[in-house]
């Protein structure tokens, strides 16, 4: 059974319970924070591992530059979406939940957690994730193929 205190400082895939709720999906926590993601791996179409790695790593660097330039301010609020267009139409999309603001640092931690989990699990590809700061759901995200509308 995980609590916020036991999440802080851990970086480990969890499949037990989180705040008393059984977890069937992997839970991955950022080191020395209360930021964590619940991951749903897979999706269609399948994505090239190198393209996913490049997209996530470059988006982490981009967010880091934003933080260096402007500080750790609110990245998304009021239902906004962050889109990072990567290599060969692989994108990272992060949506803010209706109630809580999402800061750049929390988003950076979440994307780094996702990449770390994919590498640790041995599979880089499409995935969706729910993003939490403590007990608060602050966003959802996905690594996916960009849909081109005609």
N, C-alpha and C. Protein backbone atom coordinates (compact mmCIF):
# COMPACT_ATOMS: atom_id res chain seq x y z
N UNK A 1 0.84 -1.18 0.00
CA UNK A 1 0.00 0.00 0.00
C UNK A 1 0.89 1.24 0.00
N UNK A 2 0.77 2.05 -1.02
CA UNK A 2 1.61 3.23 -1.14
C UNK A 2 0.89 4.47 -0.65
N UNK A 3 1.61 5.31 0.03
CA UNK A 3 1.10 6.62 0.44
C UNK A 3 1.99 7.66 -0.21
N UNK A 4 1.62 8.93 -0.09
CA UNK A 4 2.44 9.99 -0.67
C UNK A 4 3.84 9.96 -0.06
N UNK A 5 3.94 9.70 1.23
CA UNK A 5 5.25 9.65 1.89
C UNK A 5 6.11 8.53 1.31
N UNK A 6 5.51 7.39 1.02
CA UNK A 6 6.31 6.30 0.48
C UNK A 6 6.62 6.47 -0.99
N UNK A 7 5.85 7.32 -1.69
CA UNK A 7 6.14 7.59 -3.10
C UNK A 7 7.34 8.50 -3.26
N UNK A 8 7.44 9.50 -2.40
CA UNK A 8 8.51 10.48 -2.51
C UNK A 8 9.87 9.80 -2.43
N UNK A 9 10.70 10.06 -3.42
CA UNK A 9 12.05 9.51 -3.44
C UNK A 9 12.15 8.15 -4.09
N UNK A 10 11.05 7.56 -4.47
CA UNK A 10 11.10 6.24 -5.09
C UNK A 10 11.07 6.37 -6.60
N UNK A 11 11.70 5.45 -7.24
CA UNK A 11 11.66 5.37 -8.69
C UNK A 11 11.56 3.90 -9.03
N UNK A 12 10.35 3.41 -9.00
CA UNK A 12 10.17 1.98 -9.12
C UNK A 12 8.78 1.70 -9.68
N UNK A 13 8.69 0.74 -10.55
CA UNK A 13 7.39 0.34 -11.06
C UNK A 13 6.61 -0.31 -9.92
N UNK A 14 5.39 0.12 -9.72
CA UNK A 14 4.56 -0.41 -8.65
C UNK A 14 3.32 -1.06 -9.25
N UNK A 15 2.89 -2.15 -8.71
CA UNK A 15 1.66 -2.79 -9.17
C UNK A 15 0.80 -3.24 -7.99
N UNK A 16 0.97 -2.59 -6.83
CA UNK A 16 0.21 -2.98 -5.64
C UNK A 16 -1.00 -2.07 -5.49
N UNK A 17 -1.05 -1.29 -4.44
CA UNK A 17 -2.14 -0.33 -4.28
C UNK A 17 -1.56 1.05 -4.12
N UNK A 18 -2.31 2.03 -4.51
CA UNK A 18 -1.89 3.42 -4.43
C UNK A 18 -3.01 4.19 -3.74
N UNK A 19 -2.73 4.74 -2.57
CA UNK A 19 -3.74 5.42 -1.77
C UNK A 19 -4.95 4.50 -1.54
N UNK A 20 -4.67 3.21 -1.34
CA UNK A 20 -5.72 2.24 -1.06
C UNK A 20 -6.46 1.72 -2.27
N UNK A 21 -6.07 2.15 -3.47
CA UNK A 21 -6.74 1.71 -4.69
C UNK A 21 -5.86 0.69 -5.40
N UNK A 22 -6.37 -0.51 -5.66
CA UNK A 22 -5.56 -1.52 -6.37
C UNK A 22 -5.14 -1.01 -7.76
N UNK A 23 -3.91 -1.32 -8.14
CA UNK A 23 -3.37 -0.85 -9.41
C UNK A 23 -3.07 -2.04 -10.32
N UNK A 24 -3.65 -2.04 -11.49
CA UNK A 24 -3.35 -3.08 -12.47
C UNK A 24 -2.36 -2.56 -13.51
N UNK A 25 -2.19 -1.25 -13.57
CA UNK A 25 -1.24 -0.65 -14.51
C UNK A 25 0.04 -0.26 -13.78
N UNK A 26 1.17 -0.23 -14.49
CA UNK A 26 2.42 0.20 -13.86
C UNK A 26 2.32 1.63 -13.32
N UNK A 27 2.90 1.84 -12.15
CA UNK A 27 3.00 3.17 -11.54
C UNK A 27 4.48 3.47 -11.39
N UNK A 28 4.92 4.63 -11.89
CA UNK A 28 6.33 4.99 -11.87
C UNK A 28 6.45 6.36 -11.22
N UNK A 29 7.37 6.51 -10.28
CA UNK A 29 7.50 7.72 -9.47
C UNK A 29 8.79 8.45 -9.75
N UNK A 30 8.74 9.78 -9.75
CA UNK A 30 9.95 10.59 -9.92
C UNK A 30 10.73 10.62 -8.61
N UNK A 31 12.06 10.63 -8.72
CA UNK A 31 12.93 10.66 -7.55
C UNK A 31 12.73 11.98 -6.79
N UNK A 32 12.58 11.86 -5.46
CA UNK A 32 12.49 13.00 -4.55
C UNK A 32 11.34 13.95 -4.86
N UNK A 33 10.25 13.43 -5.42
CA UNK A 33 9.05 14.24 -5.66
C UNK A 33 7.83 13.40 -5.33
N UNK A 34 6.68 14.03 -5.39
CA UNK A 34 5.42 13.28 -5.27
C UNK A 34 4.75 13.16 -6.63
N UNK A 35 5.52 13.34 -7.69
CA UNK A 35 5.02 13.19 -9.05
C UNK A 35 5.10 11.73 -9.47
N UNK A 36 4.01 11.22 -10.00
CA UNK A 36 4.04 9.86 -10.51
C UNK A 36 3.07 9.73 -11.68
N UNK A 37 3.28 8.68 -12.47
CA UNK A 37 2.40 8.40 -13.60
C UNK A 37 1.89 6.96 -13.51
N UNK A 38 0.67 6.76 -14.01
CA UNK A 38 0.12 5.42 -14.20
C UNK A 38 0.11 5.19 -15.71
N UNK A 39 0.72 4.12 -16.15
CA UNK A 39 1.00 3.91 -17.56
C UNK A 39 0.10 2.84 -18.16
N UNK A 40 -0.40 3.11 -19.35
CA UNK A 40 -1.08 2.11 -20.16
C UNK A 40 -0.26 1.94 -21.43
N UNK A 41 0.58 0.90 -21.47
CA UNK A 41 1.44 0.72 -22.65
C UNK A 41 0.64 0.24 -23.85
N UNK A 42 1.20 0.52 -25.02
CA UNK A 42 0.61 0.04 -26.27
C UNK A 42 -0.25 1.06 -26.94
N UNK A 43 -0.68 0.72 -28.10
CA UNK A 43 -1.51 1.60 -28.91
C UNK A 43 -1.33 1.22 -30.36
N UNK A 44 -2.15 1.80 -31.16
CA UNK A 44 -2.10 1.49 -32.58
C UNK A 44 -1.97 2.79 -33.35
N UNK A 45 -1.16 2.87 -34.36
CA UNK A 45 -0.25 1.82 -34.81
C UNK A 45 0.98 1.74 -33.91
N UNK A 46 1.74 0.66 -34.04
CA UNK A 46 2.97 0.54 -33.25
C UNK A 46 3.97 1.58 -33.73
N UNK A 47 4.82 2.01 -32.82
CA UNK A 47 5.77 3.08 -33.12
C UNK A 47 7.19 2.54 -33.08
N UNK A 48 8.06 3.14 -33.87
CA UNK A 48 9.47 2.80 -33.90
C UNK A 48 10.13 3.24 -32.59
N UNK A 49 10.87 2.33 -31.95
CA UNK A 49 11.49 2.60 -30.65
C UNK A 49 12.45 3.78 -30.71
N UNK A 50 13.24 3.88 -31.76
CA UNK A 50 14.20 4.98 -31.88
C UNK A 50 13.48 6.32 -32.00
N UNK A 51 12.40 6.34 -32.74
CA UNK A 51 11.63 7.58 -32.91
C UNK A 51 10.97 8.00 -31.59
N UNK A 52 10.48 7.02 -30.83
CA UNK A 52 9.89 7.32 -29.53
C UNK A 52 10.96 7.85 -28.57
N UNK A 53 12.10 7.19 -28.52
CA UNK A 53 13.20 7.63 -27.66
C UNK A 53 13.62 9.06 -28.00
N UNK A 54 13.80 9.34 -29.27
CA UNK A 54 14.22 10.67 -29.73
C UNK A 54 13.16 11.71 -29.37
N UNK A 55 11.91 11.40 -29.61
CA UNK A 55 10.82 12.35 -29.32
C UNK A 55 10.75 12.68 -27.84
N UNK A 56 10.79 11.65 -26.99
CA UNK A 56 10.70 11.89 -25.54
C UNK A 56 11.94 12.61 -25.01
N UNK A 57 13.13 12.19 -25.43
CA UNK A 57 14.36 12.84 -24.97
C UNK A 57 14.40 14.30 -25.40
N UNK A 58 14.02 14.57 -26.64
CA UNK A 58 14.02 15.96 -27.12
C UNK A 58 12.96 16.81 -26.44
N UNK A 59 11.81 16.22 -26.12
CA UNK A 59 10.78 16.99 -25.41
C UNK A 59 11.23 17.32 -23.99
N UNK A 60 11.96 16.41 -23.35
CA UNK A 60 12.51 16.69 -22.02
C UNK A 60 13.50 17.86 -22.10
N UNK A 61 14.36 17.85 -23.11
CA UNK A 61 15.31 18.96 -23.29
C UNK A 61 14.59 20.27 -23.57
N UNK A 62 13.55 20.22 -24.39
CA UNK A 62 12.77 21.43 -24.69
C UNK A 62 12.16 22.01 -23.41
N UNK A 63 11.51 21.15 -22.62
CA UNK A 63 10.89 21.60 -21.37
C UNK A 63 11.95 22.15 -20.41
N UNK A 64 13.11 21.53 -20.37
CA UNK A 64 14.21 22.01 -19.54
C UNK A 64 14.63 23.43 -19.94
N UNK A 65 14.69 23.69 -21.25
CA UNK A 65 15.04 25.03 -21.73
C UNK A 65 13.97 26.06 -21.35
N UNK A 66 12.71 25.65 -21.39
CA UNK A 66 11.63 26.55 -20.98
C UNK A 66 11.78 26.89 -19.50
N UNK A 67 12.06 25.88 -18.67
CA UNK A 67 12.24 26.12 -17.24
C UNK A 67 13.43 27.04 -16.99
N UNK A 68 14.55 26.81 -17.70
CA UNK A 68 15.73 27.67 -17.54
C UNK A 68 15.42 29.11 -17.93
N UNK A 69 14.64 29.30 -18.99
CA UNK A 69 14.35 30.64 -19.48
C UNK A 69 13.28 31.37 -18.66
N UNK A 70 12.24 30.65 -18.22
CA UNK A 70 11.09 31.31 -17.62
C UNK A 70 10.78 30.85 -16.19
N UNK A 71 11.49 29.86 -15.70
CA UNK A 71 11.21 29.33 -14.37
C UNK A 71 10.13 28.27 -14.42
N UNK A 72 9.89 27.65 -13.28
CA UNK A 72 8.90 26.58 -13.19
C UNK A 72 7.53 27.16 -12.93
N UNK A 73 6.94 27.68 -13.97
CA UNK A 73 5.61 28.28 -13.86
C UNK A 73 4.56 27.29 -14.34
N UNK A 74 3.32 27.72 -14.33
CA UNK A 74 2.24 26.88 -14.83
C UNK A 74 2.42 26.68 -16.33
N UNK A 75 2.48 25.43 -16.74
CA UNK A 75 2.62 25.10 -18.16
C UNK A 75 1.26 25.03 -18.82
N UNK A 76 0.33 24.37 -18.15
CA UNK A 76 -1.00 24.18 -18.71
C UNK A 76 -2.05 24.48 -17.65
N UNK A 77 -3.09 25.15 -18.06
CA UNK A 77 -4.25 25.36 -17.19
C UNK A 77 -5.48 25.50 -18.08
N UNK A 78 -6.63 25.43 -17.47
CA UNK A 78 -7.89 25.61 -18.18
C UNK A 78 -8.05 24.69 -19.38
N UNK A 79 -7.68 23.41 -19.23
CA UNK A 79 -7.91 22.44 -20.29
C UNK A 79 -6.97 22.54 -21.47
N UNK A 80 -5.83 23.19 -21.31
CA UNK A 80 -4.89 23.37 -22.41
C UNK A 80 -4.16 22.07 -22.73
N UNK A 81 -3.51 22.03 -23.90
CA UNK A 81 -2.76 20.85 -24.32
C UNK A 81 -1.36 21.27 -24.76
N UNK A 82 -0.37 20.44 -24.39
CA UNK A 82 1.02 20.60 -24.84
C UNK A 82 1.26 19.53 -25.90
N UNK A 83 1.73 19.94 -27.06
CA UNK A 83 2.07 19.00 -28.13
C UNK A 83 3.53 19.18 -28.50
N UNK A 84 4.26 18.09 -28.53
CA UNK A 84 5.64 18.13 -29.00
C UNK A 84 5.72 17.20 -30.20
N UNK A 85 5.98 17.77 -31.36
CA UNK A 85 6.09 17.00 -32.59
C UNK A 85 7.51 16.47 -32.71
N UNK A 86 7.63 15.17 -32.71
CA UNK A 86 8.93 14.53 -32.79
C UNK A 86 9.25 14.06 -34.19
N UNK A 87 10.08 13.06 -34.24
CA UNK A 87 10.60 12.52 -35.49
C UNK A 87 9.56 11.61 -36.16
N UNK A 88 9.39 11.76 -37.48
CA UNK A 88 8.50 10.91 -38.28
C UNK A 88 7.07 10.84 -37.74
N UNK A 89 6.52 11.98 -37.38
CA UNK A 89 5.12 12.09 -36.93
C UNK A 89 4.81 11.40 -35.61
N UNK A 90 5.83 11.10 -34.80
CA UNK A 90 5.59 10.64 -33.43
C UNK A 90 5.44 11.90 -32.58
N UNK A 91 4.38 11.95 -31.78
CA UNK A 91 4.16 13.13 -30.95
C UNK A 91 3.99 12.75 -29.49
N UNK A 92 4.29 13.72 -28.63
CA UNK A 92 3.96 13.65 -27.22
C UNK A 92 2.84 14.66 -27.01
N UNK A 93 1.72 14.22 -26.48
CA UNK A 93 0.61 15.10 -26.16
C UNK A 93 0.33 15.01 -24.67
N UNK A 94 0.24 16.16 -24.00
CA UNK A 94 -0.09 16.20 -22.57
C UNK A 94 -1.25 17.17 -22.40
N UNK A 95 -2.30 16.69 -21.76
CA UNK A 95 -3.48 17.50 -21.48
C UNK A 95 -3.59 17.76 -19.99
N UNK A 96 -3.98 18.96 -19.63
CA UNK A 96 -4.17 19.33 -18.24
C UNK A 96 -5.59 18.91 -17.83
N UNK A 97 -5.74 18.43 -16.59
CA UNK A 97 -7.07 18.10 -16.10
C UNK A 97 -7.82 19.38 -15.76
N UNK A 98 -9.10 19.26 -15.61
CA UNK A 98 -9.94 20.44 -15.42
C UNK A 98 -9.70 21.18 -14.12
N UNK A 99 -9.26 20.49 -13.06
CA UNK A 99 -9.22 21.12 -11.74
C UNK A 99 -7.86 21.68 -11.33
N UNK A 100 -6.76 21.06 -11.74
CA UNK A 100 -5.44 21.42 -11.23
C UNK A 100 -4.53 21.91 -12.34
N UNK A 101 -3.69 22.91 -12.01
CA UNK A 101 -2.70 23.39 -12.96
C UNK A 101 -1.54 22.41 -13.04
N UNK A 102 -0.87 22.41 -14.15
CA UNK A 102 0.26 21.52 -14.40
C UNK A 102 1.49 22.39 -14.66
N UNK A 103 2.53 22.24 -13.82
CA UNK A 103 3.74 23.04 -13.99
C UNK A 103 4.69 22.37 -14.98
N UNK A 104 5.64 23.16 -15.47
CA UNK A 104 6.63 22.64 -16.41
C UNK A 104 7.47 21.53 -15.76
N UNK A 105 7.84 21.70 -14.49
CA UNK A 105 8.68 20.71 -13.82
C UNK A 105 7.94 19.39 -13.65
N UNK A 106 6.66 19.45 -13.27
CA UNK A 106 5.88 18.22 -13.13
C UNK A 106 5.77 17.53 -14.49
N UNK A 107 5.54 18.31 -15.55
CA UNK A 107 5.47 17.71 -16.88
C UNK A 107 6.81 17.09 -17.28
N UNK A 108 7.90 17.79 -17.01
CA UNK A 108 9.23 17.27 -17.32
C UNK A 108 9.49 15.96 -16.57
N UNK A 109 9.16 15.94 -15.28
CA UNK A 109 9.32 14.72 -14.48
C UNK A 109 8.50 13.57 -15.07
N UNK A 110 7.28 13.86 -15.47
CA UNK A 110 6.40 12.81 -16.00
C UNK A 110 6.94 12.22 -17.29
N UNK A 111 7.42 13.07 -18.19
CA UNK A 111 7.96 12.57 -19.46
C UNK A 111 9.24 11.78 -19.21
N UNK A 112 10.08 12.26 -18.29
CA UNK A 112 11.31 11.52 -17.94
C UNK A 112 10.95 10.17 -17.32
N UNK A 113 9.92 10.14 -16.46
CA UNK A 113 9.47 8.89 -15.86
C UNK A 113 9.00 7.92 -16.93
N UNK A 114 8.24 8.42 -17.89
CA UNK A 114 7.73 7.56 -18.96
C UNK A 114 8.88 6.96 -19.76
N UNK A 115 9.84 7.79 -20.15
CA UNK A 115 10.98 7.29 -20.90
C UNK A 115 11.77 6.29 -20.08
N UNK A 116 11.99 6.59 -18.82
CA UNK A 116 12.73 5.69 -17.93
C UNK A 116 12.01 4.35 -17.80
N UNK A 117 10.69 4.40 -17.62
CA UNK A 117 9.92 3.16 -17.49
C UNK A 117 10.01 2.33 -18.78
N UNK A 118 9.89 3.00 -19.93
CA UNK A 118 9.96 2.27 -21.20
C UNK A 118 11.30 1.58 -21.37
N UNK A 119 12.38 2.28 -21.03
CA UNK A 119 13.71 1.69 -21.14
C UNK A 119 13.85 0.52 -20.17
N UNK A 120 13.41 0.73 -18.93
CA UNK A 120 13.50 -0.32 -17.90
C UNK A 120 12.65 -1.54 -18.27
N UNK A 121 11.47 -1.30 -18.84
CA UNK A 121 10.56 -2.38 -19.21
C UNK A 121 10.99 -3.06 -20.51
N UNK A 122 11.92 -2.43 -21.23
CA UNK A 122 12.44 -3.04 -22.45
C UNK A 122 11.57 -2.83 -23.68
N UNK A 123 10.79 -1.77 -23.69
CA UNK A 123 9.97 -1.52 -24.87
C UNK A 123 9.57 -0.07 -25.02
N UNK A 124 10.12 0.59 -26.02
CA UNK A 124 9.73 1.97 -26.32
C UNK A 124 8.66 1.92 -27.39
N UNK A 125 7.54 2.57 -27.15
CA UNK A 125 6.46 2.55 -28.12
C UNK A 125 5.33 3.45 -27.68
N UNK A 126 4.18 3.23 -28.29
CA UNK A 126 3.00 4.02 -27.96
C UNK A 126 2.58 3.73 -26.52
N UNK A 127 2.06 4.75 -25.85
CA UNK A 127 1.58 4.59 -24.47
C UNK A 127 0.71 5.78 -24.11
N UNK A 128 -0.18 5.54 -23.15
CA UNK A 128 -0.92 6.62 -22.53
C UNK A 128 -0.55 6.64 -21.06
N UNK A 129 -0.68 7.80 -20.42
CA UNK A 129 -0.39 7.87 -19.00
C UNK A 129 -1.27 8.91 -18.32
N UNK A 130 -1.56 8.63 -17.05
CA UNK A 130 -2.23 9.58 -16.17
C UNK A 130 -1.15 10.17 -15.28
N UNK A 131 -1.19 11.46 -15.09
CA UNK A 131 -0.14 12.19 -14.38
C UNK A 131 -0.70 12.75 -13.07
N UNK A 132 0.02 12.47 -11.98
CA UNK A 132 -0.41 12.88 -10.65
C UNK A 132 0.69 13.68 -9.95
N UNK A 133 0.25 14.63 -9.13
CA UNK A 133 1.12 15.32 -8.20
C UNK A 133 0.51 15.06 -6.83
N UNK A 134 1.11 14.13 -6.09
CA UNK A 134 0.48 13.67 -4.86
C UNK A 134 -0.80 12.93 -5.21
N UNK A 135 -1.88 13.24 -4.52
CA UNK A 135 -3.15 12.58 -4.80
C UNK A 135 -3.94 13.26 -5.90
N UNK A 136 -3.42 14.36 -6.44
CA UNK A 136 -4.16 15.14 -7.42
C UNK A 136 -3.81 14.73 -8.85
N UNK A 137 -4.83 14.36 -9.60
CA UNK A 137 -4.65 14.10 -11.03
C UNK A 137 -4.48 15.46 -11.71
N UNK A 138 -3.32 15.67 -12.33
CA UNK A 138 -3.05 16.97 -12.95
C UNK A 138 -2.99 16.91 -14.47
N UNK A 139 -2.98 15.71 -15.04
CA UNK A 139 -2.95 15.63 -16.49
C UNK A 139 -3.01 14.22 -17.00
N UNK A 140 -3.14 14.14 -18.30
CA UNK A 140 -3.06 12.87 -19.03
C UNK A 140 -2.13 13.09 -20.20
N UNK A 141 -1.56 12.03 -20.70
CA UNK A 141 -0.65 12.18 -21.82
C UNK A 141 -0.62 10.94 -22.69
N UNK A 142 0.03 11.10 -23.84
CA UNK A 142 0.16 9.98 -24.76
C UNK A 142 1.36 10.20 -25.66
N UNK A 143 2.00 9.10 -26.00
CA UNK A 143 2.99 9.06 -27.07
C UNK A 143 2.29 8.30 -28.18
N UNK A 144 2.16 8.95 -29.32
CA UNK A 144 1.37 8.34 -30.38
C UNK A 144 1.79 8.87 -31.74
N UNK A 145 1.21 8.29 -32.75
CA UNK A 145 1.43 8.73 -34.12
C UNK A 145 0.49 9.89 -34.39
N UNK A 146 1.03 10.94 -34.98
CA UNK A 146 0.20 12.12 -35.27
C UNK A 146 -0.81 11.78 -36.35
N UNK A 147 -2.06 12.05 -36.05
CA UNK A 147 -3.13 11.83 -37.02
C UNK A 147 -3.24 13.07 -37.91
N UNK A 148 -3.13 12.85 -39.20
CA UNK A 148 -3.24 13.96 -40.15
C UNK A 148 -4.65 13.96 -40.71
N UNK A 149 -5.34 15.06 -40.49
CA UNK A 149 -6.71 15.16 -40.98
C UNK A 149 -6.73 15.81 -42.34
N UNK A 150 -7.55 15.26 -43.21
CA UNK A 150 -7.68 15.82 -44.57
C UNK A 150 -9.07 16.33 -44.81
